[in-house]
């Protein structure tokens, strides 16, 4: 956990020194290594329950927490957080998280945290701050995003759990707009849980895009530590900003070996990129890793580099997997995958 915290800290330091965002839903893509892909889709807020209350009638219990509503001035971009209790009196095993975002949302991150005091009013915060201590449960980039974990897989949530909701919003219009978001946790019977889920956040920060030009970065090979040998990946998504035109991902034994595509969309939409889900899950060859390629078309009159603002760029993927071997963050050119 210490190494994970140090990696996030270094990433944030770099981001603050140079000049993030985009949006995610469950989708379906072709086959993965040794498997055919299948996926889910979005739905409506609140399944089988209400805010802070479990469902009844044999349905799964659900608990919903809300960010906002909060008025965003015209032309304004910021990240704000709230800290709230989930409302579960007993431990729960979360099998699904369903996020719904308002019109100004850029991305939305849900953390399980150890804080004890609620902060229900949106307050300014730094992106990914809580990953110093607690990795995200879900990172959402789409207006309606449902992450359903595989059968027998869950996130364990303690009684009276506190969650931190982090919303990066942008209002490009000439009038104020309302930012808001909800996150609904849907449980499964604890006796049915076989594995814990976890998340990886990987990419390349060596971004330099000339003005009024196209650029490609990669393929960047990100070798995974041996502790991740044999784990199962059930969802993956790409992340760029406004000049992004494609994220392409393969899994491979090494940098010099042709890989197998696991994220290869017919059309990549930077503001609503699909989360590709796999059932059965795919695997990375032992000792291997992910090969990530990002493409951009810079229509501005300035060079564009890596950064956390909407006018900067990113080249990242995040992948959900089980059984948990802990979270992982790495960025070629900044942080190694270890």
C-alpha atoms as a PDB file:
ATOM      1  CA  UNK A   1       0.000   0.000   0.000  1.00  0.00           C
ATOM      2  CA  UNK A   2       2.897   2.374   0.701  1.00  0.00           C
ATOM      3  CA  UNK A   3       4.302   1.910  -2.801  1.00  0.00           C
ATOM      4  CA  UNK A   4       0.849   2.537  -4.257  1.00  0.00           C
ATOM      5  CA  UNK A   5       0.558   5.784  -2.278  1.00  0.00           C
ATOM      6  CA  UNK A   6       3.993   6.942  -3.438  1.00  0.00           C
ATOM      7  CA  UNK A   7       3.097   6.317  -7.060  1.00  0.00           C
ATOM      8  CA  UNK A   8      -0.088   8.351  -6.845  1.00  0.00           C
ATOM      9  CA  UNK A   9       1.786  11.125  -5.050  1.00  0.00           C
ATOM     10  CA  UNK A  10       4.416  11.288  -7.778  1.00  0.00           C
ATOM     11  CA  UNK A  11       1.755  11.309 -10.455  1.00  0.00           C
ATOM     12  CA  UNK A  12      -0.070  14.178  -8.803  1.00  0.00           C
ATOM     13  CA  UNK A  13       3.140  16.153  -8.355  1.00  0.00           C
ATOM     14  CA  UNK A  14       3.889  15.864 -12.050  1.00  0.00           C
ATOM     15  CA  UNK A  15       0.337  16.772 -12.980  1.00  0.00           C
ATOM     16  CA  UNK A  16       0.488  19.903 -10.837  1.00  0.00           C
ATOM     17  CA  UNK A  17       3.709  21.028 -12.523  1.00  0.00           C
ATOM     18  CA  UNK A  18       2.455  20.768 -16.102  1.00  0.00           C
ATOM     19  CA  UNK A  19      -0.406  21.916 -17.881  1.00  0.00           C
ATOM     20  CA  UNK A  20      -7.866  14.877 -17.104  1.00  0.00           C
ATOM     21  CA  UNK A  21     -11.195  14.009 -17.834  1.00  0.00           C
ATOM     22  CA  UNK A  22     -13.449  12.066 -20.130  1.00  0.00           C
ATOM     23  CA  UNK A  23     -16.456   9.745 -19.414  1.00  0.00           C
ATOM     24  CA  UNK A  24     -17.758   5.227 -19.082  1.00  0.00           C
ATOM     25  CA  UNK A  25     -20.521   2.566 -19.454  1.00  0.00           C
ATOM     26  CA  UNK A  26     -20.641  -1.171 -19.694  1.00  0.00           C
ATOM     27  CA  UNK A  27     -20.391  -2.418 -23.217  1.00  0.00           C
ATOM     28  CA  UNK A  28     -19.487  -5.425 -25.262  1.00  0.00           C
ATOM     29  CA  UNK A  29     -16.567  -6.163 -27.494  1.00  0.00           C
ATOM     30  CA  UNK A  30     -15.063  -9.103 -29.246  1.00  0.00           C
ATOM     31  CA  UNK A  31     -13.237 -12.013 -27.720  1.00  0.00           C
ATOM     32  CA  UNK A  32     -10.327 -11.867 -25.342  1.00  0.00           C
ATOM     33  CA  UNK A  33      -7.457 -14.286 -24.926  1.00  0.00           C
ATOM     34  CA  UNK A  34      -9.163 -17.628 -24.570  1.00  0.00           C
ATOM     35  CA  UNK A  35     -12.635 -16.119 -24.218  1.00  0.00           C
ATOM     36  CA  UNK A  36     -15.502 -14.450 -25.985  1.00  0.00           C
ATOM     37  CA  UNK A  37     -16.550 -11.051 -24.760  1.00  0.00           C
ATOM     38  CA  UNK A  38     -19.943 -10.100 -23.460  1.00  0.00           C
ATOM     39  CA  UNK A  39     -21.131  -7.146 -21.511  1.00  0.00           C
ATOM     40  CA  UNK A  40     -23.906  -5.345 -19.737  1.00  0.00           C
ATOM     41  CA  UNK A  41     -25.487  -1.977 -20.171  1.00  0.00           C
ATOM     42  CA  UNK A  42     -26.666   0.947 -18.138  1.00  0.00           C
ATOM     43  CA  UNK A  43     -29.962   1.209 -16.346  1.00  0.00           C
ATOM     44  CA  UNK A  44     -31.842   3.484 -13.981  1.00  0.00           C
ATOM     45  CA  UNK A  45     -30.848   4.881 -10.628  1.00  0.00           C
ATOM     46  CA  UNK A  46     -31.498   2.740  -7.583  1.00  0.00           C
ATOM     47  CA  UNK A  47     -32.075  -0.990  -7.931  1.00  0.00           C
ATOM     48  CA  UNK A  48     -34.043  -2.648  -5.180  1.00  0.00           C
ATOM     49  CA  UNK A  49     -33.621   0.100  -2.613  1.00  0.00           C
ATOM     50  CA  UNK A  50     -33.551   3.779  -1.813  1.00  0.00           C
ATOM     51  CA  UNK A  51     -31.102   6.301  -0.450  1.00  0.00           C
ATOM     52  CA  UNK A  52     -29.410   4.771   2.582  1.00  0.00           C
ATOM     53  CA  UNK A  53     -31.877   1.886   2.763  1.00  0.00           C
ATOM     54  CA  UNK A  54     -31.852  -1.742   1.777  1.00  0.00           C
ATOM     55  CA  UNK A  55     -34.336  -3.275  -0.602  1.00  0.00           C
ATOM     56  CA  UNK A  56     -36.969  -5.794   0.351  1.00  0.00           C
ATOM     57  CA  UNK A  57     -39.167  -8.494  -1.095  1.00  0.00           C
ATOM     58  CA  UNK A  58     -36.301 -10.844  -1.908  1.00  0.00           C
ATOM     59  CA  UNK A  59     -34.466  -8.295  -4.033  1.00  0.00           C
ATOM     60  CA  UNK A  60     -30.836  -7.351  -3.509  1.00  0.00           C
ATOM     61  CA  UNK A  61     -30.218  -4.617  -0.961  1.00  0.00           C
ATOM     62  CA  UNK A  62     -29.057  -1.336  -2.467  1.00  0.00           C
ATOM     63  CA  UNK A  63     -27.706   1.897  -1.021  1.00  0.00           C
ATOM     64  CA  UNK A  64     -27.532   5.192  -2.889  1.00  0.00           C
ATOM     65  CA  UNK A  65     -25.419   8.254  -2.130  1.00  0.00           C
ATOM     66  CA  UNK A  66     -25.600  11.554  -3.976  1.00  0.00           C
ATOM     67  CA  UNK A  67     -23.181  14.322  -4.953  1.00  0.00           C
ATOM     68  CA  UNK A  68     -24.888  17.725  -5.285  1.00  0.00           C
ATOM     69  CA  UNK A  69     -26.859  19.317  -6.806  1.00  0.00           C
ATOM     70  CA  UNK A  70     -24.349  22.152  -7.144  1.00  0.00           C
ATOM     71  CA  UNK A  71     -24.475  25.160  -9.455  1.00  0.00           C
ATOM     72  CA  UNK A  72     -21.466  25.522 -11.763  1.00  0.00           C
ATOM     73  CA  UNK A  73     -20.770  28.994 -13.209  1.00  0.00           C
ATOM     74  CA  UNK A  74     -20.386  29.411 -16.962  1.00  0.00           C
ATOM     75  CA  UNK A  75     -16.947  28.475 -18.295  1.00  0.00           C
ATOM     76  CA  UNK A  76     -15.885  26.937 -14.993  1.00  0.00           C
ATOM     77  CA  UNK A  77     -13.896  23.720 -14.384  1.00  0.00           C
ATOM     78  CA  UNK A  78     -13.141  22.231 -10.975  1.00  0.00           C
ATOM     79  CA  UNK A  79     -13.013  19.042  -8.908  1.00  0.00           C
ATOM     80  CA  UNK A  80     -15.155  18.867  -5.769  1.00  0.00           C
ATOM     81  CA  UNK A  81     -15.848  16.063  -3.307  1.00  0.00           C
ATOM     82  CA  UNK A  82     -18.407  15.008  -0.743  1.00  0.00           C
ATOM     83  CA  UNK A  83     -17.961  12.557   2.127  1.00  0.00           C
ATOM     84  CA  UNK A  84     -21.067  10.561   3.065  1.00  0.00           C
ATOM     85  CA  UNK A  85     -22.176   7.456   4.917  1.00  0.00           C
ATOM     86  CA  UNK A  86     -23.445   4.714   2.678  1.00  0.00           C
ATOM     87  CA  UNK A  87     -26.149   3.828   5.198  1.00  0.00           C
ATOM     88  CA  UNK A  88     -25.493   0.092   5.609  1.00  0.00           C
ATOM     89  CA  UNK A  89     -25.982  -1.047   9.185  1.00  0.00           C
ATOM     90  CA  UNK A  90     -24.377  -4.434   8.478  1.00  0.00           C
ATOM     91  CA  UNK A  91     -21.442  -5.575   6.349  1.00  0.00           C
ATOM     92  CA  UNK A  92     -22.385  -5.986   2.701  1.00  0.00           C
ATOM     93  CA  UNK A  93     -20.804  -7.613  -0.334  1.00  0.00           C
ATOM     94  CA  UNK A  94     -21.244  -5.240  -3.270  1.00  0.00           C
ATOM     95  CA  UNK A  95     -21.754  -6.977  -6.589  1.00  0.00           C
ATOM     96  CA  UNK A  96     -22.697  -3.951  -8.672  1.00  0.00           C
ATOM     97  CA  UNK A  97     -22.151  -0.183  -8.652  1.00  0.00           C
ATOM     98  CA  UNK A  98     -24.375   2.045 -10.788  1.00  0.00           C
ATOM     99  CA  UNK A  99     -23.369   5.678 -11.316  1.00  0.00           C
ATOM    100  CA  UNK A 100     -25.500   8.349 -12.990  1.00  0.00           C
ATOM    101  CA  UNK A 101     -23.984  11.755 -13.779  1.00  0.00           C
ATOM    102  CA  UNK A 102     -25.369  15.181 -14.594  1.00  0.00           C
ATOM    103  CA  UNK A 103     -24.734  17.246 -17.716  1.00  0.00           C
ATOM    104  CA  UNK A 104     -21.507  18.979 -16.619  1.00  0.00           C
ATOM    105  CA  UNK A 105     -19.721  15.881 -15.323  1.00  0.00           C
ATOM    106  CA  UNK A 106     -16.312  15.062 -16.721  1.00  0.00           C
ATOM    107  CA  UNK A 107     -15.451  12.067 -14.570  1.00  0.00           C
ATOM    108  CA  UNK A 108     -16.669  10.670 -11.265  1.00  0.00           C
ATOM    109  CA  UNK A 109     -14.689   8.542  -8.789  1.00  0.00           C
ATOM    110  CA  UNK A 110     -16.092   6.565  -5.861  1.00  0.00           C
ATOM    111  CA  UNK A 111     -13.803   5.608  -2.976  1.00  0.00           C
ATOM    112  CA  UNK A 112     -14.261   3.501   0.141  1.00  0.00           C
ATOM    113  CA  UNK A 113     -12.626   5.572   2.902  1.00  0.00           C
ATOM    114  CA  UNK A 114     -11.899   5.447   6.636  1.00  0.00           C
ATOM    115  CA  UNK A 115     -13.078   8.990   7.445  1.00  0.00           C
ATOM    116  CA  UNK A 116     -15.609   9.335  10.262  1.00  0.00           C
ATOM    117  CA  UNK A 117     -17.108  12.796   9.646  1.00  0.00           C
ATOM    118  CA  UNK A 118     -19.523  13.482   6.816  1.00  0.00           C
ATOM    119  CA  UNK A 119     -19.011  16.460   4.500  1.00  0.00           C
ATOM    120  CA  UNK A 120     -22.235  16.537   2.462  1.00  0.00           C
ATOM    121  CA  UNK A 121     -21.647  19.884   0.734  1.00  0.00           C
ATOM    122  CA  UNK A 122     -19.313  19.747  -2.320  1.00  0.00           C
ATOM    123  CA  UNK A 123     -15.887  21.103  -1.356  1.00  0.00           C
ATOM    124  CA  UNK A 124     -12.791  21.708  -3.560  1.00  0.00           C
ATOM    125  CA  UNK A 125     -10.447  18.703  -3.641  1.00  0.00           C
ATOM    126  CA  UNK A 126      -7.530  17.391  -5.662  1.00  0.00           C
ATOM    127  CA  UNK A 127      -8.106  14.562  -8.162  1.00  0.00           C
ATOM    128  CA  UNK A 128      -7.248  11.094  -6.848  1.00  0.00           C
ATOM    129  CA  UNK A 129      -6.356  12.413  -3.375  1.00  0.00           C
ATOM    130  CA  UNK A 130      -7.880   9.430  -1.573  1.00  0.00           C
ATOM    131  CA  UNK A 131      -5.800   6.967  -3.549  1.00  0.00           C
ATOM    132  CA  UNK A 132      -3.037   7.840  -1.076  1.00  0.00           C
ATOM    133  CA  UNK A 133      -4.895   5.576   1.336  1.00  0.00           C
ATOM    134  CA  UNK A 134      -7.723   3.836  -0.494  1.00  0.00           C
ATOM    135  CA  UNK A 135      -7.932   2.839  -4.171  1.00  0.00           C
ATOM    136  CA  UNK A 136     -11.076   3.686  -6.146  1.00  0.00           C
ATOM    137  CA  UNK A 137     -13.932   1.229  -6.359  1.00  0.00           C
ATOM    138  CA  UNK A 138     -15.094   2.627  -9.704  1.00  0.00           C
ATOM    139  CA  UNK A 139     -14.063   5.424 -12.070  1.00  0.00           C
ATOM    140  CA  UNK A 140     -16.949   6.621 -14.228  1.00  0.00           C
ATOM    141  CA  UNK A 141     -16.653   8.532 -17.488  1.00  0.00           C
ATOM    142  CA  UNK A 142     -20.173   8.191 -18.893  1.00  0.00           C
ATOM    143  CA  UNK A 143     -23.504   9.697 -17.956  1.00  0.00           C
ATOM    144  CA  UNK A 144     -24.853   6.246 -17.061  1.00  0.00           C
ATOM    145  CA  UNK A 145     -22.327   3.652 -15.937  1.00  0.00           C
ATOM    146  CA  UNK A 146     -23.061   0.257 -14.420  1.00  0.00           C
ATOM    147  CA  UNK A 147     -20.193  -1.968 -13.248  1.00  0.00           C
ATOM    148  CA  UNK A 148     -21.467  -5.498 -12.600  1.00  0.00           C
ATOM    149  CA  UNK A 149     -18.884  -7.823 -11.113  1.00  0.00           C
ATOM    150  CA  UNK A 150     -18.640 -11.468 -12.230  1.00  0.00           C
ATOM    151  CA  UNK A 151     -20.539 -14.222 -10.444  1.00  0.00           C
ATOM    152  CA  UNK A 152     -19.080 -14.829  -6.986  1.00  0.00           C
ATOM    153  CA  UNK A 153     -17.032 -11.593  -7.042  1.00  0.00           C
ATOM    154  CA  UNK A 154     -17.650  -8.593  -4.798  1.00  0.00           C
ATOM    155  CA  UNK A 155     -16.268  -5.598  -2.955  1.00  0.00           C
ATOM    156  CA  UNK A 156     -16.519  -6.057   0.821  1.00  0.00           C
ATOM    157  CA  UNK A 157     -18.074  -3.035   2.520  1.00  0.00           C
ATOM    158  CA  UNK A 158     -17.914  -2.587   6.291  1.00  0.00           C
ATOM    159  CA  UNK A 159     -20.903  -1.488   8.461  1.00  0.00           C
ATOM    160  CA  UNK A 160     -21.770   2.211   8.294  1.00  0.00           C
ATOM    161  CA  UNK A 161     -19.216   2.639   5.523  1.00  0.00           C
ATOM    162  CA  UNK A 162     -18.038   6.129   4.550  1.00  0.00           C
ATOM    163  CA  UNK A 163     -17.591   6.856   0.848  1.00  0.00           C
ATOM    164  CA  UNK A 164     -15.949   9.751  -0.907  1.00  0.00           C
ATOM    165  CA  UNK A 165     -17.517  10.953  -4.145  1.00  0.00           C
ATOM    166  CA  UNK A 166     -15.179  12.975  -6.345  1.00  0.00           C
ATOM    167  CA  UNK A 167     -16.634  14.825  -9.330  1.00  0.00           C
ATOM    168  CA  UNK A 168     -14.592  16.644 -11.968  1.00  0.00           C
ATOM    169  CA  UNK A 169     -17.012  18.972 -13.752  1.00  0.00           C
ATOM    170  CA  UNK A 170     -16.774  21.414 -16.643  1.00  0.00           C
ATOM    171  CA  UNK A 171     -19.364  23.930 -17.794  1.00  0.00           C
ATOM    172  CA  UNK A 172     -18.445  25.071 -21.319  1.00  0.00           C
ATOM    173  CA  UNK A 173     -21.712  26.956 -21.780  1.00  0.00           C
ATOM    174  CA  UNK A 174     -22.458  30.669 -21.317  1.00  0.00           C
ATOM    175  CA  UNK A 175     -24.972  30.052 -18.517  1.00  0.00           C
ATOM    176  CA  UNK A 176     -24.790  28.331 -15.095  1.00  0.00           C
ATOM    177  CA  UNK A 177     -25.496  24.603 -15.039  1.00  0.00           C
ATOM    178  CA  UNK A 178     -26.250  22.071 -12.311  1.00  0.00           C
ATOM    179  CA  UNK A 179     -23.685  19.391 -11.484  1.00  0.00           C
ATOM    180  CA  UNK A 180     -24.873  16.257  -9.703  1.00  0.00           C
ATOM    181  CA  UNK A 181     -24.235  12.520  -9.527  1.00  0.00           C
ATOM    182  CA  UNK A 182     -25.513   9.423  -7.746  1.00  0.00           C
ATOM    183  CA  UNK A 183     -23.818   6.138  -6.899  1.00  0.00           C
ATOM    184  CA  UNK A 184     -25.867   3.056  -6.061  1.00  0.00           C
ATOM    185  CA  UNK A 185     -24.262   0.004  -4.403  1.00  0.00           C
ATOM    186  CA  UNK A 186     -26.126  -3.282  -4.990  1.00  0.00           C
ATOM    187  CA  UNK A 187     -25.262  -6.191  -2.704  1.00  0.00           C
ATOM    188  CA  UNK A 188     -25.133  -9.967  -3.080  1.00  0.00           C
ATOM    189  CA  UNK A 189     -25.386 -12.680  -0.395  1.00  0.00           C
ATOM    190  CA  UNK A 190     -22.079 -12.760   1.476  1.00  0.00           C
ATOM    191  CA  UNK A 191     -22.101 -16.568   1.513  1.00  0.00           C
ATOM    192  CA  UNK A 192     -21.899 -16.510  -2.309  1.00  0.00           C
ATOM    193  CA  UNK A 193     -18.698 -14.460  -2.413  1.00  0.00           C
ATOM    194  CA  UNK A 194     -15.656 -16.351  -3.688  1.00  0.00           C
ATOM    195  CA  UNK A 195     -13.269 -13.519  -4.616  1.00  0.00           C
ATOM    196  CA  UNK A 196     -12.622  -9.813  -4.015  1.00  0.00           C
ATOM    197  CA  UNK A 197     -12.352  -7.410  -6.946  1.00  0.00           C
ATOM    198  CA  UNK A 198      -9.697  -4.721  -7.395  1.00  0.00           C
ATOM    199  CA  UNK A 199      -8.533  -2.110  -9.935  1.00  0.00           C
ATOM    200  CA  UNK A 200      -5.437  -1.210 -11.976  1.00  0.00           C
ATOM    201  CA  UNK A 201      -4.687   2.268 -13.371  1.00  0.00           C
ATOM    202  CA  UNK A 202      -2.005   2.203 -16.091  1.00  0.00           C
ATOM    203  CA  UNK A 203      -0.718   4.497 -18.808  1.00  0.00           C
ATOM    204  CA  UNK A 204       1.950   6.709 -20.360  1.00  0.00           C
ATOM    205  CA  UNK A 205       2.705  10.333 -19.454  1.00  0.00           C
ATOM    206  CA  UNK A 206       5.237  11.006 -22.249  1.00  0.00           C
ATOM    207  CA  UNK A 207       2.744  13.107 -24.206  1.00  0.00           C
ATOM    208  CA  UNK A 208       3.801  15.918 -26.549  1.00  0.00           C
ATOM    209  CA  UNK A 209       1.372  16.799 -29.337  1.00  0.00           C
ATOM    210  CA  UNK A 210       2.324  19.569 -31.794  1.00  0.00           C
ATOM    211  CA  UNK A 211      -0.269  22.242 -32.579  1.00  0.00           C
ATOM    212  CA  UNK A 212      -2.670  21.496 -35.426  1.00  0.00           C
ATOM    213  CA  UNK A 213      -1.216  18.012 -35.816  1.00  0.00           C
ATOM    214  CA  UNK A 214      -1.906  14.332 -35.170  1.00  0.00           C
ATOM    215  CA  UNK A 215       0.150  12.177 -32.826  1.00  0.00           C
ATOM    216  CA  UNK A 216       0.447   8.548 -31.729  1.00  0.00           C
ATOM    217  CA  UNK A 217       2.025   7.338 -28.498  1.00  0.00           C
ATOM    218  CA  UNK A 218       2.915   3.684 -28.229  1.00  0.00           C
ATOM    219  CA  UNK A 219       2.570   0.877 -28.155  1.00  0.00           C
ATOM    220  CA  UNK A 220       3.776   1.342 -24.581  1.00  0.00           C
ATOM    221  CA  UNK A 221       4.474  -1.974 -22.857  1.00  0.00           C
ATOM    222  CA  UNK A 222       3.559  -1.975 -19.167  1.00  0.00           C
ATOM    223  CA  UNK A 223       4.854  -5.171 -17.576  1.00  0.00           C
ATOM    224  CA  UNK A 224       2.887  -6.356 -14.567  1.00  0.00           C
ATOM    225  CA  UNK A 225       4.500  -7.546 -11.327  1.00  0.00           C
ATOM    226  CA  UNK A 226       4.527 -11.299 -10.835  1.00  0.00           C
ATOM    227  CA  UNK A 227       1.943 -11.108  -8.034  1.00  0.00           C
ATOM    228  CA  UNK A 228      -0.676 -10.487 -10.749  1.00  0.00           C
ATOM    229  CA  UNK A 229       0.095 -13.720 -12.603  1.00  0.00           C
ATOM    230  CA  UNK A 230      -3.106 -15.664 -13.175  1.00  0.00           C
ATOM    231  CA  UNK A 231      -5.636 -13.001 -12.168  1.00  0.00           C
ATOM    232  CA  UNK A 232      -8.819 -12.527 -14.195  1.00  0.00           C
ATOM    233  CA  UNK A 233      -9.732  -9.256 -15.940  1.00  0.00           C
ATOM    234  CA  UNK A 234     -13.439  -8.629 -16.450  1.00  0.00           C
ATOM    235  CA  UNK A 235     -13.631  -4.964 -17.535  1.00  0.00           C
ATOM    236  CA  UNK A 236     -11.324  -2.409 -19.156  1.00  0.00           C
ATOM    237  CA  UNK A 237     -11.664   1.146 -20.440  1.00  0.00           C
ATOM    238  CA  UNK A 238      -9.509   3.826 -22.065  1.00  0.00           C
ATOM    239  CA  UNK A 239      -9.053   7.448 -21.025  1.00  0.00           C
ATOM    240  CA  UNK A 240      -8.073  10.521 -23.045  1.00  0.00           C
ATOM    241  CA  UNK A 241      -9.147  14.172 -23.186  1.00  0.00           C
ATOM    242  CA  UNK A 242     -10.694  16.361 -25.870  1.00  0.00           C
ATOM    243  CA  UNK A 243      -8.085  15.733 -28.597  1.00  0.00           C
ATOM    244  CA  UNK A 244      -8.163  11.953 -28.084  1.00  0.00           C
ATOM    245  CA  UNK A 245      -9.204   9.856 -31.076  1.00  0.00           C
ATOM    246  CA  UNK A 246      -8.361   6.307 -29.994  1.00  0.00           C
ATOM    247  CA  UNK A 247      -7.090   4.045 -27.218  1.00  0.00           C
ATOM    248  CA  UNK A 248      -6.016   0.574 -28.289  1.00  0.00           C
ATOM    249  CA  UNK A 249      -4.884  -2.122 -25.833  1.00  0.00           C
ATOM    250  CA  UNK A 250      -3.333  -5.564 -26.260  1.00  0.00           C
ATOM    251  CA  UNK A 251      -2.055  -8.124 -23.779  1.00  0.00           C
ATOM    252  CA  UNK A 252       1.312  -9.641 -24.623  1.00  0.00           C
ATOM    253  CA  UNK A 253       4.158 -11.733 -23.218  1.00  0.00           C
ATOM    254  CA  UNK A 254       6.672  -8.938 -23.808  1.00  0.00           C
ATOM    255  CA  UNK A 255       7.204  -5.620 -25.587  1.00  0.00           C
ATOM    256  CA  UNK A 256       8.505  -7.222 -28.784  1.00  0.00           C
ATOM    257  CA  UNK A 257       5.729  -9.784 -29.167  1.00  0.00           C
ATOM    258  CA  UNK A 258       2.484  -9.221 -31.070  1.00  0.00           C
ATOM    259  CA  UNK A 259      -0.309  -9.136 -28.541  1.00  0.00           C
ATOM    260  CA  UNK A 260      -3.991 -10.032 -28.395  1.00  0.00           C
ATOM    261  CA  UNK A 261      -6.437  -7.078 -28.519  1.00  0.00           C
ATOM    262  CA  UNK A 262      -8.598  -6.573 -25.437  1.00  0.00           C
ATOM    263  CA  UNK A 263      -9.680  -2.949 -26.048  1.00  0.00           C
ATOM    264  CA  UNK A 264     -10.295  -2.248 -29.728  1.00  0.00           C
ATOM    265  CA  UNK A 265     -13.347  -0.088 -30.356  1.00  0.00           C
ATOM    266  CA  UNK A 266     -14.734   0.610 -33.852  1.00  0.00           C
ATOM    267  CA  UNK A 267     -15.100   4.258 -32.802  1.00  0.00           C
ATOM    268  CA  UNK A 268     -13.550   5.784 -29.677  1.00  0.00           C
ATOM    269  CA  UNK A 269     -15.433   8.710 -28.114  1.00  0.00           C
ATOM    270  CA  UNK A 270     -13.148  10.533 -25.685  1.00  0.00           C
ATOM    271  CA  UNK A 271     -16.075  12.041 -23.742  1.00  0.00           C
ATOM    272  CA  UNK A 272     -18.050   8.772 -23.457  1.00  0.00           C
ATOM    273  CA  UNK A 273     -15.552   5.907 -23.940  1.00  0.00           C
ATOM    274  CA  UNK A 274     -16.963   2.444 -23.565  1.00  0.00           C
ATOM    275  CA  UNK A 275     -16.002   0.084 -20.789  1.00  0.00           C
ATOM    276  CA  UNK A 276     -15.547  -3.294 -22.438  1.00  0.00           C
ATOM    277  CA  UNK A 277     -16.615  -6.198 -20.230  1.00  0.00           C
ATOM    278  CA  UNK A 278     -15.652  -9.857 -20.578  1.00  0.00           C
ATOM    279  CA  UNK A 279     -17.505 -12.991 -19.553  1.00  0.00           C
ATOM    280  CA  UNK A 280     -15.539 -15.207 -19.213  1.00  0.00           C
ATOM    281  CA  UNK A 281     -12.705 -12.871 -18.177  1.00  0.00           C
ATOM    282  CA  UNK A 282      -9.394 -12.605 -19.996  1.00  0.00           C
ATOM    283  CA  UNK A 283      -5.884 -13.196 -18.663  1.00  0.00           C
ATOM    284  CA  UNK A 284      -2.464 -11.640 -19.193  1.00  0.00           C
ATOM    285  CA  UNK A 285       0.384 -14.101 -19.918  1.00  0.00           C
ATOM    286  CA  UNK A 286       2.487 -14.730 -16.805  1.00  0.00           C
ATOM    287  CA  UNK A 287       5.360 -12.261 -16.818  1.00  0.00           C
ATOM    288  CA  UNK A 288       3.610 -10.200 -19.487  1.00  0.00           C
ATOM    289  CA  UNK A 289       1.606  -7.013 -19.473  1.00  0.00           C
ATOM    290  CA  UNK A 290      -0.504  -4.517 -21.389  1.00  0.00           C
ATOM    291  CA  UNK A 291       0.524  -2.767 -24.615  1.00  0.00           C
ATOM    292  CA  UNK A 292      -1.220   0.627 -24.785  1.00  0.00           C
ATOM    293  CA  UNK A 293      -1.457   2.900 -27.835  1.00  0.00           C
ATOM    294  CA  UNK A 294      -3.074   6.350 -27.761  1.00  0.00           C
ATOM    295  CA  UNK A 295      -3.870   8.664 -30.671  1.00  0.00           C
ATOM    296  CA  UNK A 296      -4.776  12.352 -30.804  1.00  0.00           C
ATOM    297  CA  UNK A 297      -5.679  15.088 -33.268  1.00  0.00           C
ATOM    298  CA  UNK A 298      -4.697  18.426 -31.755  1.00  0.00           C
ATOM    299  CA  UNK A 299      -6.875  21.168 -33.237  1.00  0.00           C
ATOM    300  CA  UNK A 300      -5.448  23.864 -30.981  1.00  0.00           C
ATOM    301  CA  UNK A 301      -2.670  26.350 -31.737  1.00  0.00           C
ATOM    302  CA  UNK A 302      -0.582  25.148 -28.756  1.00  0.00           C
ATOM    303  CA  UNK A 303       1.518  22.131 -27.887  1.00  0.00           C
ATOM    304  CA  UNK A 304      -0.429  19.747 -25.634  1.00  0.00           C
ATOM    305  CA  UNK A 305       1.237  17.762 -22.841  1.00  0.00           C
ATOM    306  CA  UNK A 306       0.209  15.427 -20.038  1.00  0.00           C
ATOM    307  CA  UNK A 307      -1.865  17.047 -17.298  1.00  0.00           C
ATOM    308  CA  UNK A 308      -5.058  16.952 -15.276  1.00  0.00           C
ATOM    309  CA  UNK A 309      -6.895  19.871 -16.928  1.00  0.00           C
ATOM    310  CA  UNK A 310      -9.316  19.574 -19.810  1.00  0.00           C
ATOM    311  CA  UNK A 311      -6.848  21.370 -22.107  1.00  0.00           C
ATOM    312  CA  UNK A 312      -4.140  18.818 -21.271  1.00  0.00           C
ATOM    313  CA  UNK A 313      -4.053  15.193 -22.380  1.00  0.00           C
ATOM    314  CA  UNK A 314      -3.844  11.730 -20.887  1.00  0.00           C
ATOM    315  CA  UNK A 315      -3.168   8.195 -22.097  1.00  0.00           C
ATOM    316  CA  UNK A 316      -4.515   5.786 -19.475  1.00  0.00           C
ATOM    317  CA  UNK A 317      -6.483   2.614 -19.061  1.00  0.00           C
ATOM    318  CA  UNK A 318      -8.053   1.112 -15.981  1.00  0.00           C
ATOM    319  CA  UNK A 319      -8.877  -2.543 -15.617  1.00  0.00           C
ATOM    320  CA  UNK A 320     -11.007  -4.350 -13.036  1.00  0.00           C
ATOM    321  CA  UNK A 321      -9.847  -7.806 -11.984  1.00  0.00           C
ATOM    322  CA  UNK A 322     -10.113 -10.640  -9.433  1.00  0.00           C
ATOM    323  CA  UNK A 323      -8.995 -12.179  -7.141  1.00  0.00           C
ATOM    324  CA  UNK A 324      -7.495  -9.084  -5.523  1.00  0.00           C
ATOM    325  CA  UNK A 325      -3.720  -8.764  -5.367  1.00  0.00           C
ATOM    326  CA  UNK A 326      -4.004  -5.149  -4.310  1.00  0.00           C
ATOM    327  CA  UNK A 327      -4.359  -2.022  -6.439  1.00  0.00           C
ATOM    328  CA  UNK A 328      -1.754  -1.051  -9.043  1.00  0.00           C
ATOM    329  CA  UNK A 329      -0.875   2.269 -10.636  1.00  0.00           C
ATOM    330  CA  UNK A 330       1.950   2.842 -13.072  1.00  0.00           C
ATOM    331  CA  UNK A 331       2.785   5.327 -15.808  1.00  0.00           C
ATOM    332  CA  UNK A 332       5.610   4.863 -18.267  1.00  0.00           C
ATOM    333  CA  UNK A 333       8.012   7.775 -18.040  1.00  0.00           C
ATOM    334  CA  UNK A 334       7.072   8.429 -14.429  1.00  0.00           C
ATOM    335  CA  UNK A 335       6.173   5.365 -12.375  1.00  0.00           C
ATOM    336  CA  UNK A 336       7.195   1.763 -12.862  1.00  0.00           C
ATOM    337  CA  UNK A 337       4.751  -1.132 -12.513  1.00  0.00           C
ATOM    338  CA  UNK A 338       6.068  -2.726  -9.323  1.00  0.00           C
END
